[in-house]
């Protein structure tokens, strides 16, 4: 199985990735229009809120943010989102997908580095 992430940086880079996840989540919230009840059905607003929560927590981050790109395209075609916000949020999504979620995420706990210790089988 191919690895989802190359590494989970901690410290300042990890905080930067956390901030990038927060920015992506806020972009999803604002650009999808789920704050305005008249623009989106309740089920779709709920889906976007759950989706945003998964990104904020860092759960399957690359998959979640890459799925945002066609959804933003759908919002542009439906007339709910202007082209430039869709493009900028798409770039944010690609950056986050390529960089990974960072160490302050659920993904780091699930897929982080592990040490495998093999039993000592030397004969005495």
PDB file of N, CA and C in Angstrom:
ATOM      1  N   UNK A   1       0.838  -1.186   0.000  1.00  0.00           N
ATOM      2  CA  UNK A   1       0.000   0.000   0.000  1.00  0.00           C
ATOM      3  C   UNK A   1       0.877   1.241   0.000  1.00  0.00           C
ATOM      4  N   UNK A   2       0.541   2.204  -0.821  1.00  0.00           N
ATOM      5  CA  UNK A   2       1.319   3.425  -0.915  1.00  0.00           C
ATOM      6  C   UNK A   2       1.049   4.301   0.293  1.00  0.00           C
ATOM      7  N   UNK A   3       2.095   4.975   0.779  1.00  0.00           N
ATOM      8  CA  UNK A   3       1.934   5.857   1.922  1.00  0.00           C
ATOM      9  C   UNK A   3       1.149   7.098   1.521  1.00  0.00           C
ATOM     10  N   UNK A   4       0.284   7.556   2.427  1.00  0.00           N
ATOM     11  CA  UNK A   4      -0.464   8.780   2.165  1.00  0.00           C
ATOM     12  C   UNK A   4       0.388  10.026   2.358  1.00  0.00           C
ATOM     13  N   UNK A   5       1.317   9.976   3.299  1.00  0.00           N
ATOM     14  CA  UNK A   5       2.060  11.166   3.666  1.00  0.00           C
ATOM     15  C   UNK A   5       3.541  10.856   3.709  1.00  0.00           C
ATOM     16  N   UNK A   6       4.346  11.853   3.383  1.00  0.00           N
ATOM     17  CA  UNK A   6       5.776  11.642   3.444  1.00  0.00           C
ATOM     18  C   UNK A   6       6.289  11.779   4.862  1.00  0.00           C
ATOM     19  N   UNK A   7       5.722  12.714   5.629  1.00  0.00           N
ATOM     20  CA  UNK A   7       6.133  12.890   7.015  1.00  0.00           C
ATOM     21  C   UNK A   7       5.102  13.751   7.727  1.00  0.00           C
ATOM     22  N   UNK A   8       5.244  13.808   9.033  1.00  0.00           N
ATOM     23  CA  UNK A   8       4.347  14.603   9.856  1.00  0.00           C
ATOM     24  C   UNK A   8       5.183  15.594  10.647  1.00  0.00           C
ATOM     25  N   UNK A   9       5.478  16.755  10.080  1.00  0.00           N
ATOM     26  CA  UNK A   9       6.360  17.693  10.775  1.00  0.00           C
ATOM     27  C   UNK A   9       5.711  18.259  12.031  1.00  0.00           C
ATOM     28  N   UNK A  10       6.539  18.438  13.055  1.00  0.00           N
ATOM     29  CA  UNK A  10       6.085  19.030  14.315  1.00  0.00           C
ATOM     30  C   UNK A  10       6.649  20.451  14.415  1.00  0.00           C
ATOM     31  N   UNK A  11       6.430  21.084  15.527  1.00  0.00           N
ATOM     32  CA  UNK A  11       6.954  22.429  15.760  1.00  0.00           C
ATOM     33  C   UNK A  11       6.268  23.462  14.878  1.00  0.00           C
ATOM     34  N   UNK A  12       7.036  24.431  14.421  1.00  0.00           N
ATOM     35  CA  UNK A  12       6.488  25.519  13.604  1.00  0.00           C
ATOM     36  C   UNK A  12       5.879  25.015  12.291  1.00  0.00           C
ATOM     37  N   UNK A  13       6.524  24.082  11.553  1.00  0.00           N
ATOM     38  CA  UNK A  13       5.880  23.579  10.336  1.00  0.00           C
ATOM     39  C   UNK A  13       4.565  22.862  10.626  1.00  0.00           C
ATOM     40  N   UNK A  14       4.500  22.124  11.730  1.00  0.00           N
ATOM     41  CA  UNK A  14       3.256  21.456  12.102  1.00  0.00           C
ATOM     42  C   UNK A  14       2.151  22.437  12.430  1.00  0.00           C
ATOM     43  N   UNK A  15       2.511  23.520  13.117  1.00  0.00           N
ATOM     44  CA  UNK A  15       1.529  24.564  13.421  1.00  0.00           C
ATOM     45  C   UNK A  15       1.092  25.249  12.137  1.00  0.00           C
ATOM     46  N   UNK A  16       2.039  25.451  11.207  1.00  0.00           N
ATOM     47  CA  UNK A  16       1.689  26.038   9.911  1.00  0.00           C
ATOM     48  C   UNK A  16       0.698  25.168   9.146  1.00  0.00           C
ATOM     49  N   UNK A  17       0.882  23.854   9.186  1.00  0.00           N
ATOM     50  CA  UNK A  17      -0.060  22.950   8.517  1.00  0.00           C
ATOM     51  C   UNK A  17      -1.409  22.937   9.223  1.00  0.00           C
ATOM     52  N   UNK A  18      -1.399  23.060  10.547  1.00  0.00           N
ATOM     53  CA  UNK A  18      -2.655  23.179  11.285  1.00  0.00           C
ATOM     54  C   UNK A  18      -3.398  24.447  10.863  1.00  0.00           C
ATOM     55  N   UNK A  19      -2.668  25.551  10.739  1.00  0.00           N
ATOM     56  CA  UNK A  19      -3.288  26.807  10.290  1.00  0.00           C
ATOM     57  C   UNK A  19      -3.799  26.694   8.855  1.00  0.00           C
ATOM     58  N   UNK A  20      -3.062  25.976   8.008  1.00  0.00           N
ATOM     59  CA  UNK A  20      -3.512  25.769   6.632  1.00  0.00           C
ATOM     60  C   UNK A  20      -4.791  24.932   6.597  1.00  0.00           C
ATOM     61  N   UNK A  21      -4.872  23.914   7.468  1.00  0.00           N
ATOM     62  CA  UNK A  21      -6.105  23.124   7.559  1.00  0.00           C
ATOM     63  C   UNK A  21      -7.261  23.992   8.048  1.00  0.00           C
ATOM     64  N   UNK A  22      -6.987  24.873   9.014  1.00  0.00           N
ATOM     65  CA  UNK A  22      -8.041  25.769   9.506  1.00  0.00           C
ATOM     66  C   UNK A  22      -8.499  26.725   8.407  1.00  0.00           C
ATOM     67  N   UNK A  23      -7.561  27.266   7.650  1.00  0.00           N
ATOM     68  CA  UNK A  23      -7.913  28.172   6.558  1.00  0.00           C
ATOM     69  C   UNK A  23      -8.730  27.451   5.494  1.00  0.00           C
ATOM     70  N   UNK A  24      -8.343  26.209   5.183  1.00  0.00           N
ATOM     71  CA  UNK A  24      -9.089  25.435   4.189  1.00  0.00           C
ATOM     72  C   UNK A  24     -10.507  25.160   4.675  1.00  0.00           C
ATOM     73  N   UNK A  25     -10.653  24.814   5.951  1.00  0.00           N
ATOM     74  CA  UNK A  25     -11.978  24.583   6.515  1.00  0.00           C
ATOM     75  C   UNK A  25     -12.847  25.830   6.477  1.00  0.00           C
ATOM     76  N   UNK A  26     -12.261  26.970   6.791  1.00  0.00           N
ATOM     77  CA  UNK A  26     -13.027  28.218   6.738  1.00  0.00           C
ATOM     78  C   UNK A  26     -13.392  28.593   5.303  1.00  0.00           C
ATOM     79  N   UNK A  27     -12.488  28.331   4.368  1.00  0.00           N
ATOM     80  CA  UNK A  27     -12.819  28.570   2.958  1.00  0.00           C
ATOM     81  C   UNK A  27     -13.990  27.707   2.537  1.00  0.00           C
ATOM     82  N   UNK A  28     -13.990  26.456   2.959  1.00  0.00           N
ATOM     83  CA  UNK A  28     -15.106  25.570   2.622  1.00  0.00           C
ATOM     84  C   UNK A  28     -16.408  26.096   3.212  1.00  0.00           C
ATOM     85  N   UNK A  29     -16.342  26.550   4.450  1.00  0.00           N
ATOM     86  CA  UNK A  29     -17.538  27.047   5.123  1.00  0.00           C
ATOM     87  C   UNK A  29     -18.092  28.281   4.426  1.00  0.00           C
ATOM     88  N   UNK A  30     -17.235  29.219   4.115  1.00  0.00           N
ATOM     89  CA  UNK A  30     -17.682  30.477   3.517  1.00  0.00           C
ATOM     90  C   UNK A  30     -18.061  30.298   2.052  1.00  0.00           C
ATOM     91  N   UNK A  31     -17.205  29.635   1.278  1.00  0.00           N
ATOM     92  CA  UNK A  31     -17.435  29.539  -0.161  1.00  0.00           C
ATOM     93  C   UNK A  31     -18.583  28.611  -0.537  1.00  0.00           C
ATOM     94  N   UNK A  32     -18.848  27.619   0.295  1.00  0.00           N
ATOM     95  CA  UNK A  32     -19.947  26.709  -0.039  1.00  0.00           C
ATOM     96  C   UNK A  32     -21.301  27.360   0.167  1.00  0.00           C
ATOM     97  N   UNK A  33     -21.355  28.396   0.973  1.00  0.00           N
ATOM     98  CA  UNK A  33     -22.624  29.079   1.211  1.00  0.00           C
ATOM     99  C   UNK A  33     -23.496  28.383   2.238  1.00  0.00           C
ATOM    100  N   UNK A  34     -22.944  27.470   3.005  1.00  0.00           N
ATOM    101  CA  UNK A  34     -23.792  26.763   3.969  1.00  0.00           C
ATOM    102  C   UNK A  34     -24.123  27.634   5.169  1.00  0.00           C
ATOM    103  N   UNK A  35     -23.485  28.812   5.285  1.00  0.00           N
ATOM    104  CA  UNK A  35     -23.852  29.748   6.357  1.00  0.00           C
ATOM    105  C   UNK A  35     -25.176  30.432   6.036  1.00  0.00           C
ATOM    106  N   UNK A  36     -25.490  30.531   4.763  1.00  0.00           N
ATOM    107  CA  UNK A  36     -26.726  31.166   4.326  1.00  0.00           C
ATOM    108  C   UNK A  36     -27.734  30.077   3.992  1.00  0.00           C
ATOM    109  N   UNK A  37     -28.784  29.995   4.777  1.00  0.00           N
ATOM    110  CA  UNK A  37     -29.742  28.891   4.651  1.00  0.00           C
ATOM    111  C   UNK A  37     -30.423  28.850   3.285  1.00  0.00           C
ATOM    112  N   UNK A  38     -30.575  30.001   2.627  1.00  0.00           N
ATOM    113  CA  UNK A  38     -31.304  30.025   1.362  1.00  0.00           C
ATOM    114  C   UNK A  38     -30.492  29.478   0.190  1.00  0.00           C
ATOM    115  N   UNK A  39     -29.179  29.388   0.327  1.00  0.00           N
ATOM    116  CA  UNK A  39     -28.337  29.006  -0.801  1.00  0.00           C
ATOM    117  C   UNK A  39     -28.126  27.508  -0.951  1.00  0.00           C
ATOM    118  N   UNK A  40     -28.369  26.725   0.108  1.00  0.00           N
ATOM    119  CA  UNK A  40     -28.009  25.320   0.056  1.00  0.00           C
ATOM    120  C   UNK A  40     -29.015  24.487   0.843  1.00  0.00           C
ATOM    121  N   UNK A  41     -29.369  23.319   0.328  1.00  0.00           N
ATOM    122  CA  UNK A  41     -30.260  22.434   1.101  1.00  0.00           C
ATOM    123  C   UNK A  41     -29.600  22.005   2.425  1.00  0.00           C
ATOM    124  N   UNK A  42     -30.430  21.666   3.395  1.00  0.00           N
ATOM    125  CA  UNK A  42     -29.928  21.327   4.730  1.00  0.00           C
ATOM    126  C   UNK A  42     -29.000  20.111   4.695  1.00  0.00           C
ATOM    127  N   UNK A  43     -29.322  19.114   3.887  1.00  0.00           N
ATOM    128  CA  UNK A  43     -28.484  17.916   3.853  1.00  0.00           C
ATOM    129  C   UNK A  43     -27.100  18.219   3.297  1.00  0.00           C
ATOM    130  N   UNK A  44     -27.043  19.127   2.307  1.00  0.00           N
ATOM    131  CA  UNK A  44     -25.759  19.479   1.719  1.00  0.00           C
ATOM    132  C   UNK A  44     -24.947  20.351   2.676  1.00  0.00           C
ATOM    133  N   UNK A  45     -25.627  21.237   3.394  1.00  0.00           N
ATOM    134  CA  UNK A  45     -24.939  22.053   4.394  1.00  0.00           C
ATOM    135  C   UNK A  45     -24.364  21.168   5.502  1.00  0.00           C
ATOM    136  N   UNK A  46     -25.107  20.158   5.904  1.00  0.00           N
ATOM    137  CA  UNK A  46     -24.620  19.223   6.921  1.00  0.00           C
ATOM    138  C   UNK A  46     -23.408  18.461   6.407  1.00  0.00           C
ATOM    139  N   UNK A  47     -23.471  18.029   5.157  1.00  0.00           N
ATOM    140  CA  UNK A  47     -22.342  17.324   4.555  1.00  0.00           C
ATOM    141  C   UNK A  47     -21.095  18.206   4.544  1.00  0.00           C
ATOM    142  N   UNK A  48     -21.252  19.469   4.163  1.00  0.00           N
ATOM    143  CA  UNK A  48     -20.109  20.383   4.112  1.00  0.00           C
ATOM    144  C   UNK A  48     -19.557  20.618   5.518  1.00  0.00           C
ATOM    145  N   UNK A  49     -20.429  20.731   6.516  1.00  0.00           N
ATOM    146  CA  UNK A  49     -19.956  20.945   7.885  1.00  0.00           C
ATOM    147  C   UNK A  49     -19.188  19.734   8.408  1.00  0.00           C
ATOM    148  N   UNK A  50     -19.663  18.535   8.121  1.00  0.00           N
ATOM    149  CA  UNK A  50     -18.944  17.327   8.533  1.00  0.00           C
ATOM    150  C   UNK A  50     -17.614  17.239   7.793  1.00  0.00           C
ATOM    151  N   UNK A  51     -17.653  17.521   6.509  1.00  0.00           N
ATOM    152  CA  UNK A  51     -16.451  17.517   5.669  1.00  0.00           C
ATOM    153  C   UNK A  51     -15.421  18.502   6.213  1.00  0.00           C
ATOM    154  N   UNK A  52     -15.878  19.704   6.555  1.00  0.00           N
ATOM    155  CA  UNK A  52     -15.002  20.730   7.107  1.00  0.00           C
ATOM    156  C   UNK A  52     -14.416  20.263   8.435  1.00  0.00           C
ATOM    157  N   UNK A  53     -15.233  19.616   9.267  1.00  0.00           N
ATOM    158  CA  UNK A  53     -14.745  19.110  10.542  1.00  0.00           C
ATOM    159  C   UNK A  53     -13.659  18.062  10.368  1.00  0.00           C
ATOM    160  N   UNK A  54     -13.817  17.201   9.375  1.00  0.00           N
ATOM    161  CA  UNK A  54     -12.793  16.188   9.108  1.00  0.00           C
ATOM    162  C   UNK A  54     -11.475  16.833   8.691  1.00  0.00           C
ATOM    163  N   UNK A  55     -11.547  17.892   7.902  1.00  0.00           N
ATOM    164  CA  UNK A  55     -10.325  18.588   7.495  1.00  0.00           C
ATOM    165  C   UNK A  55      -9.695  19.286   8.687  1.00  0.00           C
ATOM    166  N   UNK A  56     -10.501  19.921   9.522  1.00  0.00           N
ATOM    167  CA  UNK A  56      -9.953  20.607  10.692  1.00  0.00           C
ATOM    168  C   UNK A  56      -9.262  19.631  11.638  1.00  0.00           C
ATOM    169  N   UNK A  57      -9.829  18.446  11.800  1.00  0.00           N
ATOM    170  CA  UNK A  57      -9.223  17.438  12.665  1.00  0.00           C
ATOM    171  C   UNK A  57      -8.053  16.725  11.993  1.00  0.00           C
ATOM    172  N   UNK A  58      -7.993  16.791  10.689  1.00  0.00           N
ATOM    173  CA  UNK A  58      -6.920  16.129   9.951  1.00  0.00           C
ATOM    174  C   UNK A  58      -7.185  14.655   9.746  1.00  0.00           C
ATOM    175  N   UNK A  59      -8.397  14.312   9.333  1.00  0.00           N
ATOM    176  CA  UNK A  59      -8.779  12.925   9.078  1.00  0.00           C
ATOM    177  C   UNK A  59      -8.778  12.691   7.564  1.00  0.00           C
ATOM    178  N   UNK A  60      -7.908  11.794   7.092  1.00  0.00           N
ATOM    179  CA  UNK A  60      -7.761  11.516   5.655  1.00  0.00           C
ATOM    180  C   UNK A  60      -7.638  12.814   4.855  1.00  0.00           C
ATOM    181  N   UNK A  61      -6.771  13.664   5.306  1.00  0.00           N
ATOM    182  CA  UNK A  61      -6.652  15.024   4.785  1.00  0.00           C
ATOM    183  C   UNK A  61      -6.467  15.098   3.269  1.00  0.00           C
ATOM    184  N   UNK A  62      -5.519  14.365   2.664  1.00  0.00           N
ATOM    185  CA  UNK A  62      -5.359  14.508   1.207  1.00  0.00           C
ATOM    186  C   UNK A  62      -6.630  14.177   0.438  1.00  0.00           C
ATOM    187  N   UNK A  63      -7.311  13.124   0.833  1.00  0.00           N
ATOM    188  CA  UNK A  63      -8.545  12.753   0.133  1.00  0.00           C
ATOM    189  C   UNK A  63      -9.630  13.803   0.335  1.00  0.00           C
ATOM    190  N   UNK A  64      -9.763  14.303   1.553  1.00  0.00           N
ATOM    191  CA  UNK A  64     -10.817  15.279   1.848  1.00  0.00           C
ATOM    192  C   UNK A  64     -10.616  16.582   1.083  1.00  0.00           C
ATOM    193  N   UNK A  65      -9.369  17.059   1.009  1.00  0.00           N
ATOM    194  CA  UNK A  65      -9.151  18.336   0.335  1.00  0.00           C
ATOM    195  C   UNK A  65      -9.162  18.191  -1.180  1.00  0.00           C
ATOM    196  N   UNK A  66      -8.731  17.041  -1.703  1.00  0.00           N
ATOM    197  CA  UNK A  66      -8.779  16.852  -3.155  1.00  0.00           C
ATOM    198  C   UNK A  66     -10.234  16.762  -3.624  1.00  0.00           C
ATOM    199  N   UNK A  67     -11.103  16.209  -2.800  1.00  0.00           N
ATOM    200  CA  UNK A  67     -12.524  16.161  -3.154  1.00  0.00           C
ATOM    201  C   UNK A  67     -13.159  17.547  -3.201  1.00  0.00           C
ATOM    202  N   UNK A  68     -12.546  18.507  -2.517  1.00  0.00           N
ATOM    203  CA  UNK A  68     -13.078  19.868  -2.521  1.00  0.00           C
ATOM    204  C   UNK A  68     -12.972  20.491  -3.918  1.00  0.00           C
ATOM    205  N   UNK A  69     -11.955  20.140  -4.677  1.00  0.00           N
ATOM    206  CA  UNK A  69     -11.721  20.791  -5.974  1.00  0.00           C
ATOM    207  C   UNK A  69     -12.879  20.570  -6.944  1.00  0.00           C
ATOM    208  N   UNK A  70     -13.349  19.337  -7.175  1.00  0.00           N
ATOM    209  CA  UNK A  70     -14.520  19.197  -8.055  1.00  0.00           C
ATOM    210  C   UNK A  70     -15.787  19.793  -7.455  1.00  0.00           C
ATOM    211  N   UNK A  71     -15.901  19.777  -6.123  1.00  0.00           N
ATOM    212  CA  UNK A  71     -17.068  20.384  -5.489  1.00  0.00           C
ATOM    213  C   UNK A  71     -17.072  21.891  -5.714  1.00  0.00           C
ATOM    214  N   UNK A  72     -15.899  22.523  -5.621  1.00  0.00           N
ATOM    215  CA  UNK A  72     -15.805  23.962  -5.897  1.00  0.00           C
ATOM    216  C   UNK A  72     -16.143  24.241  -7.361  1.00  0.00           C
ATOM    217  N   UNK A  73     -15.708  23.358  -8.257  1.00  0.00           N
ATOM    218  CA  UNK A  73     -16.090  23.504  -9.666  1.00  0.00           C
ATOM    219  C   UNK A  73     -17.591  23.398  -9.858  1.00  0.00           C
ATOM    220  N   UNK A  74     -18.209  22.477  -9.145  1.00  0.00           N
ATOM    221  CA  UNK A  74     -19.663  22.353  -9.187  1.00  0.00           C
ATOM    222  C   UNK A  74     -20.333  23.632  -8.689  1.00  0.00           C
ATOM    223  N   UNK A  75     -19.796  24.218  -7.616  1.00  0.00           N
ATOM    224  CA  UNK A  75     -20.368  25.464  -7.092  1.00  0.00           C
ATOM    225  C   UNK A  75     -20.224  26.607  -8.089  1.00  0.00           C
ATOM    226  N   UNK A  76     -19.115  26.625  -8.831  1.00  0.00           N
ATOM    227  CA  UNK A  76     -18.930  27.660  -9.863  1.00  0.00           C
ATOM    228  C   UNK A  76     -19.964  27.471 -10.973  1.00  0.00           C
ATOM    229  N   UNK A  77     -20.131  26.231 -11.433  1.00  0.00           N
ATOM    230  CA  UNK A  77     -21.095  25.966 -12.506  1.00  0.00           C
ATOM    231  C   UNK A  77     -22.535  26.219 -12.065  1.00  0.00           C
ATOM    232  N   UNK A  78     -22.815  25.993 -10.781  1.00  0.00           N
ATOM    233  CA  UNK A  78     -24.161  26.238 -10.261  1.00  0.00           C
ATOM    234  C   UNK A  78     -24.414  27.718  -9.999  1.00  0.00           C
ATOM    235  N   UNK A  79     -23.377  28.537 -10.091  1.00  0.00           N
ATOM    236  CA  UNK A  79     -23.543  29.971  -9.875  1.00  0.00           C
ATOM    237  C   UNK A  79     -23.474  30.383  -8.417  1.00  0.00           C
ATOM    238  N   UNK A  80     -23.033  29.478  -7.543  1.00  0.00           N
ATOM    239  CA  UNK A  80     -22.950  29.800  -6.120  1.00  0.00           C
ATOM    240  C   UNK A  80     -21.584  30.323  -5.698  1.00  0.00           C
ATOM    241  N   UNK A  81     -20.607  30.243  -6.590  1.00  0.00           N
ATOM    242  CA  UNK A  81     -19.254  30.642  -6.239  1.00  0.00           C
ATOM    243  C   UNK A  81     -18.596  31.285  -7.458  1.00  0.00           C
ATOM    244  N   UNK A  82     -17.906  32.405  -7.213  1.00  0.00           N
ATOM    245  CA  UNK A  82     -17.176  33.068  -8.288  1.00  0.00           C
ATOM    246  C   UNK A  82     -15.922  32.255  -8.628  1.00  0.00           C
ATOM    247  N   UNK A  83     -15.378  32.508  -9.788  1.00  0.00           N
ATOM    248  CA  UNK A  83     -14.251  31.713 -10.268  1.00  0.00           C
ATOM    249  C   UNK A  83     -12.985  31.919  -9.427  1.00  0.00           C
ATOM    250  N   UNK A  84     -12.647  33.155  -9.086  1.00  0.00           N
ATOM    251  CA  UNK A  84     -11.394  33.405  -8.364  1.00  0.00           C
ATOM    252  C   UNK A  84     -11.375  32.775  -6.973  1.00  0.00           C
ATOM    253  N   UNK A  85     -12.435  32.877  -6.162  1.00  0.00           N
ATOM    254  CA  UNK A  85     -12.399  32.151  -4.876  1.00  0.00           C
ATOM    255  C   UNK A  85     -12.262  30.643  -5.065  1.00  0.00           C
ATOM    256  N   UNK A  86     -12.871  30.102  -6.112  1.00  0.00           N
ATOM    257  CA  UNK A  86     -12.743  28.661  -6.373  1.00  0.00           C
ATOM    258  C   UNK A  86     -11.302  28.303  -6.714  1.00  0.00           C
ATOM    259  N   UNK A  87     -10.651  29.130  -7.508  1.00  0.00           N
ATOM    260  CA  UNK A  87      -9.267  28.867  -7.895  1.00  0.00           C
ATOM    261  C   UNK A  87      -8.340  28.974  -6.682  1.00  0.00           C
ATOM    262  N   UNK A  88      -8.515  30.019  -5.875  1.00  0.00           N
ATOM    263  CA  UNK A  88      -7.640  30.176  -4.703  1.00  0.00           C
ATOM    264  C   UNK A  88      -7.866  29.058  -3.684  1.00  0.00           C
ATOM    265  N   UNK A  89      -9.100  28.658  -3.480  1.00  0.00           N
ATOM    266  CA  UNK A  89      -9.330  27.550  -2.550  1.00  0.00           C
ATOM    267  C   UNK A  89      -8.820  26.238  -3.143  1.00  0.00           C
ATOM    268  N   UNK A  90      -8.863  26.108  -4.455  1.00  0.00           N
ATOM    269  CA  UNK A  90      -8.289  24.925  -5.097  1.00  0.00           C
ATOM    270  C   UNK A  90      -6.790  24.849  -4.901  1.00  0.00           C
ATOM    271  N   UNK A  91      -6.107  25.994  -4.993  1.00  0.00           N
ATOM    272  CA  UNK A  91      -4.666  26.013  -4.736  1.00  0.00           C
ATOM    273  C   UNK A  91      -4.365  25.667  -3.286  1.00  0.00           C
ATOM    274  N   UNK A  92      -5.167  26.179  -2.370  1.00  0.00           N
ATOM    275  CA  UNK A  92      -4.985  25.823  -0.955  1.00  0.00           C
ATOM    276  C   UNK A  92      -5.190  24.333  -0.750  1.00  0.00           C
ATOM    277  N   UNK A  93      -6.190  23.781  -1.416  1.00  0.00           N
ATOM    278  CA  UNK A  93      -6.471  22.351  -1.289  1.00  0.00           C
ATOM    279  C   UNK A  93      -5.308  21.520  -1.831  1.00  0.00           C
ATOM    280  N   UNK A  94      -4.775  21.914  -2.981  1.00  0.00           N
ATOM    281  CA  UNK A  94      -3.636  21.179  -3.545  1.00  0.00           C
ATOM    282  C   UNK A  94      -2.411  21.262  -2.653  1.00  0.00           C
ATOM    283  N   UNK A  95      -2.153  22.451  -2.099  1.00  0.00           N
ATOM    284  CA  UNK A  95      -1.009  22.601  -1.197  1.00  0.00           C
ATOM    285  C   UNK A  95      -1.158  21.699   0.018  1.00  0.00           C
ATOM    286  N   UNK A  96      -2.337  21.671   0.592  1.00  0.00           N
ATOM    287  CA  UNK A  96      -2.570  20.836   1.762  1.00  0.00           C
ATOM    288  C   UNK A  96      -2.503  19.353   1.421  1.00  0.00           C
ATOM    289  N   UNK A  97      -2.984  18.987   0.242  1.00  0.00           N
ATOM    290  CA  UNK A  97      -2.917  17.578  -0.174  1.00  0.00           C
ATOM    291  C   UNK A  97      -1.468  17.141  -0.384  1.00  0.00           C
ATOM    292  N   UNK A  98      -0.650  18.023  -0.923  1.00  0.00           N
ATOM    293  CA  UNK A  98       0.744  17.672  -1.184  1.00  0.00           C
ATOM    294  C   UNK A  98       1.596  17.686   0.081  1.00  0.00           C
ATOM    295  N   UNK A  99       1.280  18.582   1.004  1.00  0.00           N
ATOM    296  CA  UNK A  99       2.083  18.691   2.222  1.00  0.00           C
ATOM    297  C   UNK A  99       1.682  17.705   3.303  1.00  0.00           C
ATOM    298  N   UNK A 100       0.415  17.329   3.340  1.00  0.00           N
ATOM    299  CA  UNK A 100      -0.067  16.441   4.391  1.00  0.00           C
ATOM    300  C   UNK A 100      -0.604  17.224   5.566  1.00  0.00           C
ATOM    301  N   UNK A 101      -1.127  16.539   6.567  1.00  0.00           N
ATOM    302  CA  UNK A 101      -1.815  17.216   7.654  1.00  0.00           C
ATOM    303  C   UNK A 101      -0.914  17.734   8.765  1.00  0.00           C
ATOM    304  N   UNK A 102       0.299  17.239   8.894  1.00  0.00           N
ATOM    305  CA  UNK A 102       1.157  17.646  10.000  1.00  0.00           C
ATOM    306  C   UNK A 102       0.952  16.749  11.218  1.00  0.00           C
ATOM    307  N   UNK A 103       1.768  16.996  12.228  1.00  0.00           N
ATOM    308  CA  UNK A 103       1.741  16.123  13.395  1.00  0.00           C
ATOM    309  C   UNK A 103       0.549  16.364  14.311  1.00  0.00           C
ATOM    310  N   UNK A 104      -0.078  17.520  14.205  1.00  0.00           N
ATOM    311  CA  UNK A 104      -1.222  17.838  15.052  1.00  0.00           C
ATOM    312  C   UNK A 104      -2.510  17.465  14.341  1.00  0.00           C
ATOM    313  N   UNK A 105      -2.661  16.184  14.037  1.00  0.00           N
ATOM    314  CA  UNK A 105      -3.822  15.712  13.304  1.00  0.00           C
ATOM    315  C   UNK A 105      -4.133  14.275  13.690  1.00  0.00           C
ATOM    316  N   UNK A 106      -5.326  13.845  13.355  1.00  0.00           N
ATOM    317  CA  UNK A 106      -5.716  12.457  13.578  1.00  0.00           C
ATOM    318  C   UNK A 106      -4.910  11.546  12.661  1.00  0.00           C
ATOM    319  N   UNK A 107      -4.633  12.002  11.443  1.00  0.00           N
ATOM    320  CA  UNK A 107      -3.840  11.200  10.508  1.00  0.00           C
ATOM    321  C   UNK A 107      -2.464  10.851  11.076  1.00  0.00           C
ATOM    322  N   UNK A 108      -1.852  11.787  11.784  1.00  0.00           N
ATOM    323  CA  UNK A 108      -0.536  11.519  12.368  1.00  0.00           C
ATOM    324  C   UNK A 108      -0.634  10.407  13.400  1.00  0.00           C
ATOM    325  N   UNK A 109      -1.731  10.364  14.129  1.00  0.00           N
ATOM    326  CA  UNK A 109      -1.925   9.298  15.115  1.00  0.00           C
ATOM    327  C   UNK A 109      -2.195   7.958  14.431  1.00  0.00           C
ATOM    328  N   UNK A 110      -2.951   7.996  13.338  1.00  0.00           N
ATOM    329  CA  UNK A 110      -3.301   6.760  12.652  1.00  0.00           C
ATOM    330  C   UNK A 110      -2.173   6.215  11.788  1.00  0.00           C
ATOM    331  N   UNK A 111      -1.488   7.106  11.062  1.00  0.00           N
ATOM    332  CA  UNK A 111      -0.517   6.675  10.065  1.00  0.00           C
ATOM    333  C   UNK A 111       0.907   7.125  10.363  1.00  0.00           C
ATOM    334  N   UNK A 112       1.155   7.633  11.549  1.00  0.00           N
ATOM    335  CA  UNK A 112       2.473   8.177  11.881  1.00  0.00           C
ATOM    336  C   UNK A 112       3.559   7.122  11.932  1.00  0.00           C
ATOM    337  N   UNK A 113       4.749   7.578  12.215  1.00  0.00           N
ATOM    338  CA  UNK A 113       5.898   6.676  12.259  1.00  0.00           C
ATOM    339  C   UNK A 113       5.731   5.669  13.382  1.00  0.00           C
ATOM    340  N   UNK A 114       6.132   4.476  13.096  1.00  0.00           N
ATOM    341  CA  UNK A 114       6.078   3.414  14.087  1.00  0.00           C
ATOM    342  C   UNK A 114       7.436   2.718  14.127  1.00  0.00           C
ATOM    343  N   UNK A 115       7.771   2.231  15.284  1.00  0.00           N
ATOM    344  CA  UNK A 115       9.000   1.463  15.447  1.00  0.00           C
ATOM    345  C   UNK A 115       8.596   0.004  15.579  1.00  0.00           C
ATOM    346  N   UNK A 116       9.139  -0.808  14.705  1.00  0.00           N
ATOM    347  CA  UNK A 116       8.856  -2.240  14.741  1.00  0.00           C
ATOM    348  C   UNK A 116      10.083  -2.931  15.315  1.00  0.00           C
ATOM    349  N   UNK A 117       9.879  -3.615  16.409  1.00  0.00           N
ATOM    350  CA  UNK A 117      10.976  -4.330  17.055  1.00  0.00           C
ATOM    351  C   UNK A 117      10.808  -5.822  16.806  1.00  0.00           C
ATOM    352  N   UNK A 118      11.821  -6.387  16.194  1.00  0.00           N
ATOM    353  CA  UNK A 118      11.807  -7.818  15.926  1.00  0.00           C
ATOM    354  C   UNK A 118      12.437  -8.539  17.117  1.00  0.00           C
ATOM    355  N   UNK A 119      11.922  -9.718  17.423  1.00  0.00           N
ATOM    356  CA  UNK A 119      12.507 -10.455  18.541  1.00  0.00           C
ATOM    357  C   UNK A 119      13.944 -10.879  18.234  1.00  0.00           C
ATOM    358  N   UNK A 120      14.737 -10.917  19.260  1.00  0.00           N
ATOM    359  CA  UNK A 120      16.131 -11.339  19.108  1.00  0.00           C
ATOM    360  C   UNK A 120      16.156 -12.856  19.002  1.00  0.00           C
ATOM    361  N   UNK A 121      16.582 -13.373  17.859  1.00  0.00           N
ATOM    362  CA  UNK A 121      16.550 -14.807  17.650  1.00  0.00           C
ATOM    363  C   UNK A 121      17.963 -15.414  17.635  1.00  0.00           C
ATOM    364  N   UNK A 122      18.908 -14.708  18.203  1.00  0.00           N
ATOM    365  CA  UNK A 122      20.273 -15.247  18.265  1.00  0.00           C
ATOM    366  C   UNK A 122      20.306 -16.483  19.150  1.00  0.00           C
ATOM    367  N   UNK A 123      21.027 -17.432  18.691  1.00  0.00           N
ATOM    368  CA  UNK A 123      21.168 -18.654  19.481  1.00  0.00           C
ATOM    369  C   UNK A 123      22.330 -18.463  20.459  1.00  0.00           C
ATOM    370  N   UNK A 124      22.124 -18.892  21.667  1.00  0.00           N
ATOM    371  CA  UNK A 124      23.171 -18.765  22.685  1.00  0.00           C
ATOM    372  C   UNK A 124      24.104 -19.918  22.668  1.00  0.00           C
TER     373      UNK A 124
END
